[in-house]
Amino acid sequence: MGKIFYQGNIVDESDVSVSIKSKAFNYGLACFEGIRAYWDDEEKQLYGLCMKTHYDRLLESCKCLNMKIPYTVDELCEITKELLRANNHKATTYIRPIVYKGAETLKPTLRDADDRIVIYTEPMESYSEKDELRVAVSSWRRITDSSLPPRVKATAGYLNSALAALEVTSNGYDEAVFLTNSGVICEGPGENIFFVKKGKLLTPPTSDDILEGITRELVIKLAKNELGMEVEERSIARTELYNSQEVFFSGTAMEIISVVEADNRIIGTGHQGEVCKKLKALFQKARIGKLKGYENLVEKIY
C-alpha cells in the first residue's frame, strides 16, 4: 500500500477507511476523475497530462451534485504532484480523485454537508491488452442528461457502463458501444468514439448524452490543427458504425485505440487506420511535452 491524499493530508492508505453506512457506498453519491501522469524514461521525468482541465471538470461535477470541497484547481494540482512524489512514481501512473458524501444517514440525499475528498495513485501502463478492438452495440441504452447526466462523472452512472460491458464481453467482444434513447451512437462504457468518413472526422455532439471527454477535446484539436482534417460533431446513425472507413475510441484510460470490427462486421481494412495511427503518434508526443505548441498540456512532477 502507498500514500493517498485524504481530507487535507497525505497519509498511508491503510489509515483510511470508508464506513459501510457511507452514502457513497450505499447510493453511489460521489463523483470522480481519471488523470494520467506519463513517465519519460529519456528525460527521467513524470508529466501530469491536462491536470487543470481534469480538476476543472471535477469541480463542475461537484457543483452539479451539490458537493463542496475547500480546494481550487491549482491547489488540487499541487496536492496531486506532492502525492505522486510521496509515492515516488517512476512509471506511467493513473490518478483517481473522488469526492463523496461521507454522511451515514439513511436517506439518499445530496443535501448532507459531509463532503470528503480522497486521491489515490497507481502505476498503469496500457489499459487495454489489445491495439485493435472488436465491439458490439449494447442492448442497454445510455443514461441521459435528464436522468443521470453523463457529463457528470458520477460513480453511480458507471453501473450503466458495467452492464453494457458485461453483456458484450460475455459474448466474446472487447468493448461495448452505447446508443442513446433515440437510437443514435453515443459512446463506449468509458470512452468517446470517432468515425472517419470521406476524409472527415465525425464524433457525436455533447447533446447526445456523452461525457465531455478531455482526450476527445485533444483529439479534435490534433485532427484540425495537425492533420488539417475537417471535424464535424453531429448525431451518428448506428449504420455509420458499419460503413465508416475508420472507427476509434478515445479516453484517459483507453487513450486512442482502433475499433476494427462491430457487430461481426469488418470496419475499413479490418486493421488500425492511418488517421488513428497518426493521431496516436501525435498524442504520444503531446503527453510528455514533446509536441510543439502543446507543451502547456503537461506539468512536470519532479
C-alpha atoms as a PDB file:
ATOM      1  CA  MET A   1       0.000   0.000   0.000  1.00  0.00           C
ATOM      2  CA  GLY A   2       1.154   3.525  -0.769  1.00  0.00           C
ATOM      3  CA  LYS A   3       0.282   7.063   0.214  1.00  0.00           C
ATOM      4  CA  ILE A   4      -3.066   8.711  -0.510  1.00  0.00           C
ATOM      5  CA  PHE A   5      -4.471  12.191  -0.007  1.00  0.00           C
ATOM      6  CA  TYR A   6      -7.422  12.231   2.371  1.00  0.00           C
ATOM      7  CA  GLN A   7      -9.210  15.237   3.828  1.00  0.00           C
ATOM      8  CA  GLY A   8      -6.261  17.616   3.764  1.00  0.00           C
ATOM      9  CA  ASN A   9      -3.370  15.256   4.482  1.00  0.00           C
ATOM     10  CA  ILE A  10      -1.151  12.739   2.720  1.00  0.00           C
ATOM     11  CA  VAL A  11      -1.425   9.559   4.773  1.00  0.00           C
ATOM     12  CA  ASP A  12      -0.845   5.813   4.490  1.00  0.00           C
ATOM     13  CA  GLU A  13      -3.623   4.132   2.533  1.00  0.00           C
ATOM     14  CA  SER A  14      -4.074   1.645   5.378  1.00  0.00           C
ATOM     15  CA  ASP A  15      -5.013   4.503   7.733  1.00  0.00           C
ATOM     16  CA  VAL A  16      -8.176   5.396   5.781  1.00  0.00           C
ATOM     17  CA  SER A  17     -11.473   3.534   5.754  1.00  0.00           C
ATOM     18  CA  VAL A  18     -14.955   4.243   4.433  1.00  0.00           C
ATOM     19  CA  SER A  19     -17.935   3.294   6.596  1.00  0.00           C
ATOM     20  CA  ILE A  20     -20.382   0.699   5.262  1.00  0.00           C
ATOM     21  CA  LYS A  21     -23.046   3.310   6.096  1.00  0.00           C
ATOM     22  CA  SER A  22     -21.483   5.952   3.863  1.00  0.00           C
ATOM     23  CA  LYS A  23     -23.801   7.393   1.218  1.00  0.00           C
ATOM     24  CA  ALA A  24     -21.054   6.847  -1.345  1.00  0.00           C
ATOM     25  CA  PHE A  25     -21.108   3.101  -0.642  1.00  0.00           C
ATOM     26  CA  ASN A  26     -24.887   2.772  -0.255  1.00  0.00           C
ATOM     27  CA  TYR A  27     -26.106   5.027  -3.062  1.00  0.00           C
ATOM     28  CA  GLY A  28     -23.137   5.957  -5.244  1.00  0.00           C
ATOM     29  CA  LEU A  29     -23.303   9.600  -4.142  1.00  0.00           C
ATOM     30  CA  ALA A  30     -19.859  10.531  -5.420  1.00  0.00           C
ATOM     31  CA  CYS A  31     -18.044  11.886  -8.449  1.00  0.00           C
ATOM     32  CA  PHE A  32     -14.523  11.285  -9.683  1.00  0.00           C
ATOM     33  CA  GLU A  33     -11.860  11.926 -12.286  1.00  0.00           C
ATOM     34  CA  GLY A  34      -9.309   9.773 -14.045  1.00  0.00           C
ATOM     35  CA  ILE A  35      -5.987  11.512 -14.732  1.00  0.00           C
ATOM     36  CA  ARG A  36      -2.765  10.196 -16.235  1.00  0.00           C
ATOM     37  CA  ALA A  37       0.841  11.038 -15.492  1.00  0.00           C
ATOM     38  CA  TYR A  38       3.294   9.759 -18.121  1.00  0.00           C
ATOM     39  CA  TRP A  39       6.862   8.692 -17.437  1.00  0.00           C
ATOM     40  CA  ASP A  40       9.509   9.731 -19.963  1.00  0.00           C
ATOM     41  CA  ASP A  41      12.446   7.401 -19.460  1.00  0.00           C
ATOM     42  CA  GLU A  42      14.711   9.529 -21.667  1.00  0.00           C
ATOM     43  CA  GLU A  43      14.187  12.653 -19.528  1.00  0.00           C
ATOM     44  CA  LYS A  44      13.657  10.705 -16.257  1.00  0.00           C
ATOM     45  CA  GLN A  45      10.589  12.867 -15.741  1.00  0.00           C
ATOM     46  CA  LEU A  46       6.929  12.286 -14.926  1.00  0.00           C
ATOM     47  CA  TYR A  47       4.415  14.515 -16.739  1.00  0.00           C
ATOM     48  CA  GLY A  48       0.877  15.121 -15.489  1.00  0.00           C
ATOM     49  CA  LEU A  49      -1.399  15.425 -18.544  1.00  0.00           C
ATOM     50  CA  CYS A  50      -4.234  18.000 -18.626  1.00  0.00           C
ATOM     51  CA  MET A  51      -4.395  18.076 -14.837  1.00  0.00           C
ATOM     52  CA  LYS A  52      -6.042  21.503 -14.614  1.00  0.00           C
ATOM     53  CA  THR A  53      -8.683  20.554 -17.170  1.00  0.00           C
ATOM     54  CA  HIS A  54      -9.490  17.380 -15.247  1.00  0.00           C
ATOM     55  CA  TYR A  55      -9.827  19.227 -11.950  1.00  0.00           C
ATOM     56  CA  ASP A  56     -11.970  21.892 -13.640  1.00  0.00           C
ATOM     57  CA  ARG A  57     -14.308  19.092 -14.670  1.00  0.00           C
ATOM     58  CA  LEU A  58     -14.247  17.551 -11.195  1.00  0.00           C
ATOM     59  CA  LEU A  59     -15.354  20.830  -9.632  1.00  0.00           C
ATOM     60  CA  GLU A  60     -18.078  21.181 -12.278  1.00  0.00           C
ATOM     61  CA  SER A  61     -19.324  17.688 -11.327  1.00  0.00           C
ATOM     62  CA  CYS A  62     -19.243  18.676  -7.658  1.00  0.00           C
ATOM     63  CA  LYS A  63     -21.307  21.771  -8.373  1.00  0.00           C
ATOM     64  CA  CYS A  64     -23.950  19.738 -10.191  1.00  0.00           C
ATOM     65  CA  LEU A  65     -24.116  17.243  -7.306  1.00  0.00           C
ATOM     66  CA  ASN A  66     -24.220  19.900  -4.560  1.00  0.00           C
ATOM     67  CA  MET A  67     -20.799  18.877  -3.238  1.00  0.00           C
ATOM     68  CA  LYS A  68     -18.294  21.373  -1.878  1.00  0.00           C
ATOM     69  CA  ILE A  69     -14.597  20.879  -1.219  1.00  0.00           C
ATOM     70  CA  PRO A  70     -12.278  23.636   0.045  1.00  0.00           C
ATOM     71  CA  TYR A  71      -9.738  23.459  -2.798  1.00  0.00           C
ATOM     72  CA  THR A  72      -9.130  25.362  -6.010  1.00  0.00           C
ATOM     73  CA  VAL A  73      -7.998  23.732  -9.248  1.00  0.00           C
ATOM     74  CA  ASP A  74      -4.432  24.976  -8.699  1.00  0.00           C
ATOM     75  CA  GLU A  75      -4.398  23.610  -5.151  1.00  0.00           C
ATOM     76  CA  LEU A  76      -5.639  20.209  -6.331  1.00  0.00           C
ATOM     77  CA  CYS A  77      -2.883  20.115  -8.960  1.00  0.00           C
ATOM     78  CA  GLU A  78      -0.225  20.886  -6.344  1.00  0.00           C
ATOM     79  CA  ILE A  79      -1.650  18.260  -3.970  1.00  0.00           C
ATOM     80  CA  THR A  80      -1.535  15.684  -6.779  1.00  0.00           C
ATOM     81  CA  LYS A  81       2.079  16.495  -7.626  1.00  0.00           C
ATOM     82  CA  GLU A  82       3.022  16.185  -3.963  1.00  0.00           C
ATOM     83  CA  LEU A  83       1.228  12.826  -3.749  1.00  0.00           C
ATOM     84  CA  LEU A  84       2.992  11.467  -6.843  1.00  0.00           C
ATOM     85  CA  ARG A  85       6.337  12.488  -5.343  1.00  0.00           C
ATOM     86  CA  ALA A  86       5.393  10.944  -1.984  1.00  0.00           C
ATOM     87  CA  ASN A  87       4.739   7.645  -3.764  1.00  0.00           C
ATOM     88  CA  ASN A  88       7.973   8.078  -5.771  1.00  0.00           C
ATOM     89  CA  HIS A  89       6.276   7.054  -9.006  1.00  0.00           C
ATOM     90  CA  LYS A  90       8.815   6.489 -11.784  1.00  0.00           C
ATOM     91  CA  ALA A  91       6.371   4.908 -14.222  1.00  0.00           C
ATOM     92  CA  THR A  92       3.224   5.912 -16.075  1.00  0.00           C
ATOM     93  CA  THR A  93       0.587   6.354 -13.396  1.00  0.00           C
ATOM     94  CA  TYR A  94      -3.188   6.612 -13.070  1.00  0.00           C
ATOM     95  CA  ILE A  95      -4.577   9.207 -10.650  1.00  0.00           C
ATOM     96  CA  ARG A  96      -8.052   8.871  -9.159  1.00  0.00           C
ATOM     97  CA  PRO A  97      -9.585  11.781  -7.183  1.00  0.00           C
ATOM     98  CA  ILE A  98     -13.008  11.007  -5.656  1.00  0.00           C
ATOM     99  CA  VAL A  99     -15.346  13.452  -3.935  1.00  0.00           C
ATOM    100  CA  TYR A 100     -18.048  11.674  -1.962  1.00  0.00           C
ATOM    101  CA  LYS A 101     -20.798  12.014   0.590  1.00  0.00           C
ATOM    102  CA  GLY A 102     -19.426  10.554   3.792  1.00  0.00           C
ATOM    103  CA  ALA A 103     -22.638  11.080   5.755  1.00  0.00           C
ATOM    104  CA  GLU A 104     -24.110   7.947   7.323  1.00  0.00           C
ATOM    105  CA  THR A 105     -27.789   8.907   7.420  1.00  0.00           C
ATOM    106  CA  LEU A 106     -30.229   6.581   5.689  1.00  0.00           C
ATOM    107  CA  LYS A 107     -31.794   8.907   3.108  1.00  0.00           C
ATOM    108  CA  PRO A 108     -30.202   9.038  -0.374  1.00  0.00           C
ATOM    109  CA  THR A 109     -29.942  12.825  -0.261  1.00  0.00           C
ATOM    110  CA  LEU A 110     -27.276  15.154  -1.607  1.00  0.00           C
ATOM    111  CA  ARG A 111     -28.151  17.785   0.988  1.00  0.00           C
ATOM    112  CA  ASP A 112     -25.851  16.395   3.711  1.00  0.00           C
ATOM    113  CA  ALA A 113     -22.790  18.590   4.176  1.00  0.00           C
ATOM    114  CA  ASP A 114     -20.287  15.795   4.873  1.00  0.00           C
ATOM    115  CA  ASP A 115     -18.305  16.074   1.618  1.00  0.00           C
ATOM    116  CA  ARG A 116     -14.937  14.346   1.536  1.00  0.00           C
ATOM    117  CA  ILE A 117     -12.116  14.014  -0.964  1.00  0.00           C
ATOM    118  CA  VAL A 118      -9.626  11.227  -1.454  1.00  0.00           C
ATOM    119  CA  ILE A 119      -6.941  10.927  -4.154  1.00  0.00           C
ATOM    120  CA  TYR A 120      -5.040   7.728  -4.837  1.00  0.00           C
ATOM    121  CA  THR A 121      -2.499   6.769  -7.491  1.00  0.00           C
ATOM    122  CA  GLU A 122      -1.330   3.522  -9.044  1.00  0.00           C
ATOM    123  CA  PRO A 123       1.094   2.607 -11.827  1.00  0.00           C
ATOM    124  CA  MET A 124      -0.735   1.800 -15.067  1.00  0.00           C
ATOM    125  CA  GLU A 125       0.820   1.465 -18.480  1.00  0.00           C
ATOM    126  CA  SER A 126      -1.647   0.113 -21.052  1.00  0.00           C
ATOM    127  CA  TYR A 127      -5.322  -0.055 -20.029  1.00  0.00           C
ATOM    128  CA  SER A 128      -6.272  -2.379 -22.865  1.00  0.00           C
ATOM    129  CA  GLU A 129      -4.335  -5.516 -23.687  1.00  0.00           C
ATOM    130  CA  LYS A 130      -5.129  -5.056 -27.396  1.00  0.00           C
ATOM    131  CA  ASP A 131      -4.352  -2.465 -30.081  1.00  0.00           C
ATOM    132  CA  GLU A 132      -7.465  -3.271 -32.122  1.00  0.00           C
ATOM    133  CA  LEU A 133     -10.898  -3.885 -30.636  1.00  0.00           C
ATOM    134  CA  ARG A 134     -13.986  -5.866 -31.614  1.00  0.00           C
ATOM    135  CA  VAL A 135     -17.147  -4.151 -30.363  1.00  0.00           C
ATOM    136  CA  ALA A 136     -20.876  -4.760 -30.204  1.00  0.00           C
ATOM    137  CA  VAL A 137     -23.781  -2.391 -29.742  1.00  0.00           C
ATOM    138  CA  SER A 138     -25.242  -2.987 -26.303  1.00  0.00           C
ATOM    139  CA  SER A 139     -28.944  -3.540 -25.696  1.00  0.00           C
ATOM    140  CA  TRP A 140     -28.546  -1.279 -22.658  1.00  0.00           C
ATOM    141  CA  ARG A 141     -29.190   2.360 -23.589  1.00  0.00           C
ATOM    142  CA  ARG A 142     -27.004   5.196 -22.303  1.00  0.00           C
ATOM    143  CA  ILE A 143     -28.091   7.169 -19.252  1.00  0.00           C
ATOM    144  CA  THR A 144     -29.499  10.565 -20.170  1.00  0.00           C
ATOM    145  CA  ASP A 145     -28.872  14.141 -19.118  1.00  0.00           C
ATOM    146  CA  SER A 146     -32.410  14.279 -17.741  1.00  0.00           C
ATOM    147  CA  SER A 147     -31.933  11.225 -15.508  1.00  0.00           C
ATOM    148  CA  LEU A 148     -28.297  10.647 -14.510  1.00  0.00           C
ATOM    149  CA  PRO A 149     -26.219  13.151 -16.516  1.00  0.00           C
ATOM    150  CA  PRO A 150     -23.234  11.502 -18.272  1.00  0.00           C
ATOM    151  CA  ARG A 151     -21.301  14.807 -18.316  1.00  0.00           C
ATOM    152  CA  VAL A 152     -21.137  14.479 -14.519  1.00  0.00           C
ATOM    153  CA  LYS A 153     -18.638  11.712 -13.730  1.00  0.00           C
ATOM    154  CA  ALA A 154     -20.838  10.254 -11.006  1.00  0.00           C
ATOM    155  CA  THR A 155     -19.827   6.873  -9.624  1.00  0.00           C
ATOM    156  CA  ALA A 156     -23.465   5.720  -9.784  1.00  0.00           C
ATOM    157  CA  GLY A 157     -23.510   6.225 -13.554  1.00  0.00           C
ATOM    158  CA  TYR A 158     -20.911   3.539 -14.097  1.00  0.00           C
ATOM    159  CA  LEU A 159     -23.374   0.773 -13.272  1.00  0.00           C
ATOM    160  CA  ASN A 160     -24.767   1.584 -16.728  1.00  0.00           C
ATOM    161  CA  SER A 161     -21.252   1.130 -18.165  1.00  0.00           C
ATOM    162  CA  ALA A 162     -20.677  -2.104 -16.256  1.00  0.00           C
ATOM    163  CA  LEU A 163     -23.929  -3.666 -17.510  1.00  0.00           C
ATOM    164  CA  ALA A 164     -23.074  -2.868 -21.136  1.00  0.00           C
ATOM    165  CA  ALA A 165     -19.523  -4.160 -20.778  1.00  0.00           C
ATOM    166  CA  LEU A 166     -20.729  -7.355 -19.080  1.00  0.00           C
ATOM    167  CA  GLU A 167     -23.193  -8.027 -21.883  1.00  0.00           C
ATOM    168  CA  VAL A 168     -20.757  -7.711 -24.763  1.00  0.00           C
ATOM    169  CA  THR A 169     -17.673  -9.261 -23.149  1.00  0.00           C
ATOM    170  CA  SER A 170     -19.791 -12.270 -22.150  1.00  0.00           C
ATOM    171  CA  ASN A 171     -20.459 -12.672 -25.867  1.00  0.00           C
ATOM    172  CA  GLY A 172     -16.775 -12.546 -26.806  1.00  0.00           C
ATOM    173  CA  TYR A 173     -16.370  -8.872 -27.741  1.00  0.00           C
ATOM    174  CA  ASP A 174     -13.788  -6.473 -26.320  1.00  0.00           C
ATOM    175  CA  GLU A 175     -15.948  -3.420 -25.662  1.00  0.00           C
ATOM    176  CA  ALA A 176     -19.490  -2.070 -25.940  1.00  0.00           C
ATOM    177  CA  VAL A 177     -20.977   0.800 -27.909  1.00  0.00           C
ATOM    178  CA  PHE A 178     -23.960   2.657 -26.448  1.00  0.00           C
ATOM    179  CA  LEU A 179     -26.939   4.075 -28.283  1.00  0.00           C
ATOM    180  CA  THR A 180     -28.947   6.976 -26.870  1.00  0.00           C
ATOM    181  CA  ASN A 181     -32.641   6.542 -26.102  1.00  0.00           C
ATOM    182  CA  SER A 182     -33.364   7.993 -29.543  1.00  0.00           C
ATOM    183  CA  GLY A 183     -31.197   5.301 -31.155  1.00  0.00           C
ATOM    184  CA  VAL A 184     -28.086   7.197 -32.297  1.00  0.00           C
ATOM    185  CA  ILE A 185     -24.487   6.308 -31.455  1.00  0.00           C
ATOM    186  CA  CYS A 186     -23.353   7.732 -28.136  1.00  0.00           C
ATOM    187  CA  GLU A 187     -20.017   6.425 -26.775  1.00  0.00           C
ATOM    188  CA  GLY A 188     -18.373   3.420 -25.153  1.00  0.00           C
ATOM    189  CA  PRO A 189     -18.724   2.485 -21.470  1.00  0.00           C
ATOM    190  CA  GLY A 190     -15.727   4.671 -20.635  1.00  0.00           C
ATOM    191  CA  GLU A 191     -14.643   6.194 -23.936  1.00  0.00           C
ATOM    192  CA  ASN A 192     -15.720   8.690 -26.574  1.00  0.00           C
ATOM    193  CA  ILE A 193     -15.971   7.479 -30.157  1.00  0.00           C
ATOM    194  CA  PHE A 194     -14.798   8.847 -33.533  1.00  0.00           C
ATOM    195  CA  PHE A 195     -15.513   7.939 -37.162  1.00  0.00           C
ATOM    196  CA  VAL A 196     -13.591   8.663 -40.374  1.00  0.00           C
ATOM    197  CA  LYS A 197     -15.822   9.084 -43.428  1.00  0.00           C
ATOM    198  CA  LYS A 198     -14.812  10.605 -46.766  1.00  0.00           C
ATOM    199  CA  GLY A 199     -11.776  12.328 -45.284  1.00  0.00           C
ATOM    200  CA  LYS A 200     -13.793  13.901 -42.476  1.00  0.00           C
ATOM    201  CA  LEU A 201     -13.628  13.125 -38.748  1.00  0.00           C
ATOM    202  CA  LEU A 202     -17.039  12.671 -37.115  1.00  0.00           C
ATOM    203  CA  THR A 203     -17.980  12.384 -33.442  1.00  0.00           C
ATOM    204  CA  PRO A 204     -21.277  12.599 -31.515  1.00  0.00           C
ATOM    205  CA  PRO A 205     -22.101  16.032 -30.054  1.00  0.00           C
ATOM    206  CA  THR A 206     -22.229  16.748 -26.329  1.00  0.00           C
ATOM    207  CA  SER A 207     -26.038  16.920 -26.617  1.00  0.00           C
ATOM    208  CA  ASP A 208     -26.141  13.169 -27.415  1.00  0.00           C
ATOM    209  CA  ASP A 209     -25.565  12.144 -23.772  1.00  0.00           C
ATOM    210  CA  ILE A 210     -21.790  11.815 -23.925  1.00  0.00           C
ATOM    211  CA  LEU A 211     -19.122  12.632 -21.387  1.00  0.00           C
ATOM    212  CA  GLU A 212     -17.344  15.819 -22.434  1.00  0.00           C
ATOM    213  CA  GLY A 213     -14.080  13.955 -22.777  1.00  0.00           C
ATOM    214  CA  ILE A 214     -10.752  15.672 -22.240  1.00  0.00           C
ATOM    215  CA  THR A 215      -8.904  13.279 -24.564  1.00  0.00           C
ATOM    216  CA  ARG A 216     -11.794  13.771 -27.020  1.00  0.00           C
ATOM    217  CA  GLU A 217     -11.147  17.510 -26.973  1.00  0.00           C
ATOM    218  CA  LEU A 218      -7.436  16.946 -27.606  1.00  0.00           C
ATOM    219  CA  VAL A 219      -8.121  14.537 -30.484  1.00  0.00           C
ATOM    220  CA  ILE A 220     -10.368  17.129 -32.144  1.00  0.00           C
ATOM    221  CA  LYS A 221      -7.644  19.760 -31.759  1.00  0.00           C
ATOM    222  CA  LEU A 222      -4.929  17.471 -33.153  1.00  0.00           C
ATOM    223  CA  ALA A 223      -7.067  16.409 -36.109  1.00  0.00           C
ATOM    224  CA  LYS A 224      -7.881  20.008 -37.039  1.00  0.00           C
ATOM    225  CA  ASN A 225      -4.542  21.664 -36.371  1.00  0.00           C
ATOM    226  CA  GLU A 226      -2.009  18.935 -37.126  1.00  0.00           C
ATOM    227  CA  LEU A 227      -3.757  16.778 -39.743  1.00  0.00           C
ATOM    228  CA  GLY A 228      -5.792  19.556 -41.361  1.00  0.00           C
ATOM    229  CA  MET A 229      -8.976  17.497 -41.116  1.00  0.00           C
ATOM    230  CA  GLU A 230     -12.494  18.819 -41.043  1.00  0.00           C
ATOM    231  CA  VAL A 231     -14.142  17.715 -37.792  1.00  0.00           C
ATOM    232  CA  GLU A 232     -17.919  17.517 -37.512  1.00  0.00           C
ATOM    233  CA  GLU A 233     -19.797  16.988 -34.257  1.00  0.00           C
ATOM    234  CA  ARG A 234     -23.174  15.547 -35.192  1.00  0.00           C
ATOM    235  CA  SER A 235     -25.533  12.698 -34.400  1.00  0.00           C
ATOM    236  CA  ILE A 236     -24.282   9.392 -35.828  1.00  0.00           C
ATOM    237  CA  ALA A 237     -26.646   6.664 -37.053  1.00  0.00           C
ATOM    238  CA  ARG A 238     -25.946   3.080 -35.997  1.00  0.00           C
ATOM    239  CA  THR A 239     -25.330   2.036 -39.607  1.00  0.00           C
ATOM    240  CA  GLU A 240     -22.479   4.560 -39.827  1.00  0.00           C
ATOM    241  CA  LEU A 241     -20.615   2.407 -37.315  1.00  0.00           C
ATOM    242  CA  TYR A 242     -20.513  -0.284 -40.005  1.00  0.00           C
ATOM    243  CA  ASN A 243     -19.723   1.731 -43.123  1.00  0.00           C
ATOM    244  CA  SER A 244     -17.073   4.159 -41.850  1.00  0.00           C
ATOM    245  CA  GLN A 245     -13.516   3.895 -43.157  1.00  0.00           C
ATOM    246  CA  GLU A 246     -12.192   4.020 -39.582  1.00  0.00           C
ATOM    247  CA  VAL A 247     -13.606   3.962 -36.052  1.00  0.00           C
ATOM    248  CA  PHE A 248     -11.673   4.548 -32.846  1.00  0.00           C
ATOM    249  CA  PHE A 249     -12.182   5.247 -29.166  1.00  0.00           C
ATOM    250  CA  SER A 250     -10.545   7.955 -27.064  1.00  0.00           C
ATOM    251  CA  GLY A 251     -10.302   8.319 -23.296  1.00  0.00           C
ATOM    252  CA  THR A 252      -7.907   8.953 -20.429  1.00  0.00           C
ATOM    253  CA  ALA A 253      -7.546   5.273 -19.560  1.00  0.00           C
ATOM    254  CA  MET A 254      -8.016   3.864 -23.075  1.00  0.00           C
ATOM    255  CA  GLU A 255      -6.035   6.705 -24.762  1.00  0.00           C
ATOM    256  CA  ILE A 256      -6.611   6.254 -28.548  1.00  0.00           C
ATOM    257  CA  ILE A 257      -7.443   2.779 -29.771  1.00  0.00           C
ATOM    258  CA  SER A 258      -8.803   1.456 -33.053  1.00  0.00           C
ATOM    259  CA  VAL A 259     -12.119  -0.370 -33.491  1.00  0.00           C
ATOM    260  CA  VAL A 260     -11.779  -2.866 -36.347  1.00  0.00           C
ATOM    261  CA  GLU A 261     -14.995  -4.860 -36.084  1.00  0.00           C
ATOM    262  CA  ALA A 262     -18.539  -4.002 -34.941  1.00  0.00           C
ATOM    263  CA  ASP A 263     -21.401  -6.487 -34.588  1.00  0.00           C
ATOM    264  CA  ASN A 264     -19.421  -9.003 -36.653  1.00  0.00           C
ATOM    265  CA  ARG A 265     -18.898  -6.516 -39.489  1.00  0.00           C
ATOM    266  CA  ILE A 266     -15.348  -5.606 -40.512  1.00  0.00           C
ATOM    267  CA  ILE A 267     -14.622  -1.862 -40.387  1.00  0.00           C
ATOM    268  CA  GLY A 268     -12.428  -0.488 -43.185  1.00  0.00           C
ATOM    269  CA  THR A 269      -9.496  -2.816 -43.804  1.00  0.00           C
ATOM    270  CA  GLY A 270     -10.045  -4.678 -40.552  1.00  0.00           C
ATOM    271  CA  HIS A 271      -6.950  -3.077 -39.057  1.00  0.00           C
ATOM    272  CA  GLN A 272      -5.953   0.216 -37.464  1.00  0.00           C
ATOM    273  CA  GLY A 273      -6.369   3.018 -39.999  1.00  0.00           C
ATOM    274  CA  GLU A 274      -3.983   5.794 -40.967  1.00  0.00           C
ATOM    275  CA  VAL A 275      -5.886   8.590 -39.200  1.00  0.00           C
ATOM    276  CA  CYS A 276      -5.948   6.676 -35.927  1.00  0.00           C
ATOM    277  CA  LYS A 277      -2.267   5.825 -36.328  1.00  0.00           C
ATOM    278  CA  LYS A 278      -1.285   9.464 -36.922  1.00  0.00           C
ATOM    279  CA  LEU A 279      -3.386  10.794 -34.052  1.00  0.00           C
ATOM    280  CA  LYS A 280      -1.955   8.186 -31.712  1.00  0.00           C
ATOM    281  CA  ALA A 281       1.605   9.195 -32.639  1.00  0.00           C
ATOM    282  CA  LEU A 282       0.810  12.885 -32.045  1.00  0.00           C
ATOM    283  CA  PHE A 283      -0.850  12.072 -28.727  1.00  0.00           C
ATOM    284  CA  GLN A 284       2.164  10.067 -27.582  1.00  0.00           C
ATOM    285  CA  LYS A 285       4.374  13.121 -28.145  1.00  0.00           C
ATOM    286  CA  ALA A 286       1.917  15.552 -26.554  1.00  0.00           C
ATOM    287  CA  ARG A 287       1.544  13.503 -23.369  1.00  0.00           C
ATOM    288  CA  ILE A 288       5.222  14.020 -22.463  1.00  0.00           C
ATOM    289  CA  GLY A 289       5.526  17.622 -23.653  1.00  0.00           C
ATOM    290  CA  LYS A 290       7.319  16.834 -26.918  1.00  0.00           C
ATOM    291  CA  LEU A 291       4.753  18.149 -29.398  1.00  0.00           C
ATOM    292  CA  LYS A 292       5.397  21.746 -30.372  1.00  0.00           C
ATOM    293  CA  GLY A 293       2.540  24.032 -29.404  1.00  0.00           C
ATOM    294  CA  TYR A 294       1.090  21.597 -26.862  1.00  0.00           C
ATOM    295  CA  GLU A 295       3.700  21.884 -24.120  1.00  0.00           C
ATOM    296  CA  ASN A 296       1.221  23.626 -21.813  1.00  0.00           C
ATOM    297  CA  LEU A 297      -0.835  20.420 -21.554  1.00  0.00           C
ATOM    298  CA  VAL A 298       1.672  18.821 -19.205  1.00  0.00           C
ATOM    299  CA  GLU A 299       3.095  19.613 -15.791  1.00  0.00           C
ATOM    300  CA  LYS A 300       6.428  18.286 -14.561  1.00  0.00           C
ATOM    301  CA  ILE A 301       6.180  16.296 -11.347  1.00  0.00           C
ATOM    302  CA  TYR A 302       9.892  16.177 -10.478  1.00  0.00           C
END
